Amino acid sequence: MIITSAKYDKPRDDNGNIISKEDNCNIIAVFDGITKCVPIDPDDRFYKSIMDWVAKGNTIAKAD
């Protein structure tokens, strides 16, 4: 599985506007060319893959 990008996301309303300045709610990542919404959950296999990717020197972008 190849990760090409990862970016944190914040809670949003139905129009896509950030609804609070709370913590990040998930990570939007591209795995093998497919965009996935990954929960911030240490038991999630995609989250684990992202953390391995970060350990190799990559960075998760900040939420907009």
C-alpha atoms as a PDB file:
ATOM      1  CA  MET A   1       0.000   0.000   0.000  1.00  0.00           C
ATOM      2  CA  ILE A   2       1.505   3.313  -1.113  1.00  0.00           C
ATOM      3  CA  ILE A   3       0.500   6.523   0.667  1.00  0.00           C
ATOM      4  CA  THR A   4       1.031   9.649  -1.412  1.00  0.00           C
ATOM      5  CA  SER A   5      -0.546  12.240   0.899  1.00  0.00           C
ATOM      6  CA  ALA A   6      -2.274  12.667   4.231  1.00  0.00           C
ATOM      7  CA  LYS A   7      -4.056  15.669   5.727  1.00  0.00           C
ATOM      8  CA  TYR A   8      -5.884  16.159   9.011  1.00  0.00           C
ATOM      9  CA  ASP A   9      -9.533  17.185   8.883  1.00  0.00           C
ATOM     10  CA  LYS A  10     -11.755  19.083  11.335  1.00  0.00           C
ATOM     11  CA  PRO A  11     -15.471  18.554  12.054  1.00  0.00           C
ATOM     12  CA  ARG A  12     -17.540  20.241   9.317  1.00  0.00           C
ATOM     13  CA  ASP A  13     -21.166  21.178   8.668  1.00  0.00           C
ATOM     14  CA  ASP A  14     -23.193  20.092   5.613  1.00  0.00           C
ATOM     15  CA  ASN A  15     -21.701  22.944   3.576  1.00  0.00           C
ATOM     16  CA  GLY A  16     -18.123  21.890   4.335  1.00  0.00           C
ATOM     17  CA  ASN A  17     -17.441  24.711   6.788  1.00  0.00           C
ATOM     18  CA  ILE A  18     -15.440  23.936   9.916  1.00  0.00           C
ATOM     19  CA  ILE A  19     -17.914  23.962  12.798  1.00  0.00           C
ATOM     20  CA  SER A  20     -15.440  24.293  15.646  1.00  0.00           C
ATOM     21  CA  LYS A  21     -11.804  24.693  16.442  1.00  0.00           C
ATOM     22  CA  GLU A  22     -11.807  21.301  18.140  1.00  0.00           C
ATOM     23  CA  ASP A  23      -9.248  18.587  17.623  1.00  0.00           C
ATOM     24  CA  ASN A  24      -8.835  16.874  14.297  1.00  0.00           C
ATOM     25  CA  CYS A  25     -11.552  14.291  13.668  1.00  0.00           C
ATOM     26  CA  ASN A  26      -9.887  12.160  10.963  1.00  0.00           C
ATOM     27  CA  ILE A  27      -7.226  12.026   8.286  1.00  0.00           C
ATOM     28  CA  ILE A  28      -7.890  12.310   4.563  1.00  0.00           C
ATOM     29  CA  ALA A  29      -5.237  10.142   2.891  1.00  0.00           C
ATOM     30  CA  VAL A  30      -4.497   8.822  -0.580  1.00  0.00           C
ATOM     31  CA  PHE A  31      -3.681   5.101  -0.638  1.00  0.00           C
ATOM     32  CA  ASP A  32      -2.722   3.619  -4.024  1.00  0.00           C
ATOM     33  CA  GLY A  33      -4.467   6.512  -5.765  1.00  0.00           C
ATOM     34  CA  ILE A  34      -7.692   6.147  -3.752  1.00  0.00           C
ATOM     35  CA  THR A  35      -8.734   8.840  -1.259  1.00  0.00           C
ATOM     36  CA  LYS A  36      -9.860   7.474   2.106  1.00  0.00           C
ATOM     37  CA  CYS A  37     -11.206   9.102   5.242  1.00  0.00           C
ATOM     38  CA  VAL A  38      -9.303   7.450   8.084  1.00  0.00           C
ATOM     39  CA  PRO A  39     -10.407   7.691  11.718  1.00  0.00           C
ATOM     40  CA  ILE A  40      -7.822   8.702  14.291  1.00  0.00           C
ATOM     41  CA  ASP A  41      -7.916   5.302  15.942  1.00  0.00           C
ATOM     42  CA  PRO A  42      -4.785   3.351  16.908  1.00  0.00           C
ATOM     43  CA  ASP A  43      -6.617   0.088  16.135  1.00  0.00           C
ATOM     44  CA  ASP A  44      -7.500   1.089  12.551  1.00  0.00           C
ATOM     45  CA  ARG A  45      -5.246  -0.605   9.994  1.00  0.00           C
ATOM     46  CA  PHE A  46      -5.140   2.447   7.712  1.00  0.00           C
ATOM     47  CA  TYR A  47      -4.249   4.707  10.652  1.00  0.00           C
ATOM     48  CA  LYS A  48      -1.424   2.307  11.538  1.00  0.00           C
ATOM     49  CA  SER A  49      -0.175   2.525   7.944  1.00  0.00           C
ATOM     50  CA  ILE A  50      -0.213   6.325   8.115  1.00  0.00           C
ATOM     51  CA  MET A  51       1.744   6.264  11.392  1.00  0.00           C
ATOM     52  CA  ASP A  52       4.348   3.967   9.774  1.00  0.00           C
ATOM     53  CA  TRP A  53       4.501   6.407   6.831  1.00  0.00           C
ATOM     54  CA  VAL A  54       5.079   9.297   9.270  1.00  0.00           C
ATOM     55  CA  ALA A  55       7.796   7.306  11.069  1.00  0.00           C
ATOM     56  CA  LYS A  56       9.638   7.132   7.732  1.00  0.00           C
ATOM     57  CA  GLY A  57       9.884  10.936   7.635  1.00  0.00           C
ATOM     58  CA  ASN A  58       6.607  11.952   5.992  1.00  0.00           C
ATOM     59  CA  THR A  59       4.272  14.584   7.412  1.00  0.00           C
ATOM     60  CA  ILE A  60       0.508  14.788   7.803  1.00  0.00           C
ATOM     61  CA  ALA A  61      -0.610  18.214   6.551  1.00  0.00           C
ATOM     62  CA  LYS A  62      -2.604  20.482   8.844  1.00  0.00           C
ATOM     63  CA  ALA A  63      -6.346  20.868   8.315  1.00  0.00           C
ATOM     64  CA  ASP A  64      -7.531  23.831   6.250  1.00  0.00           C
END
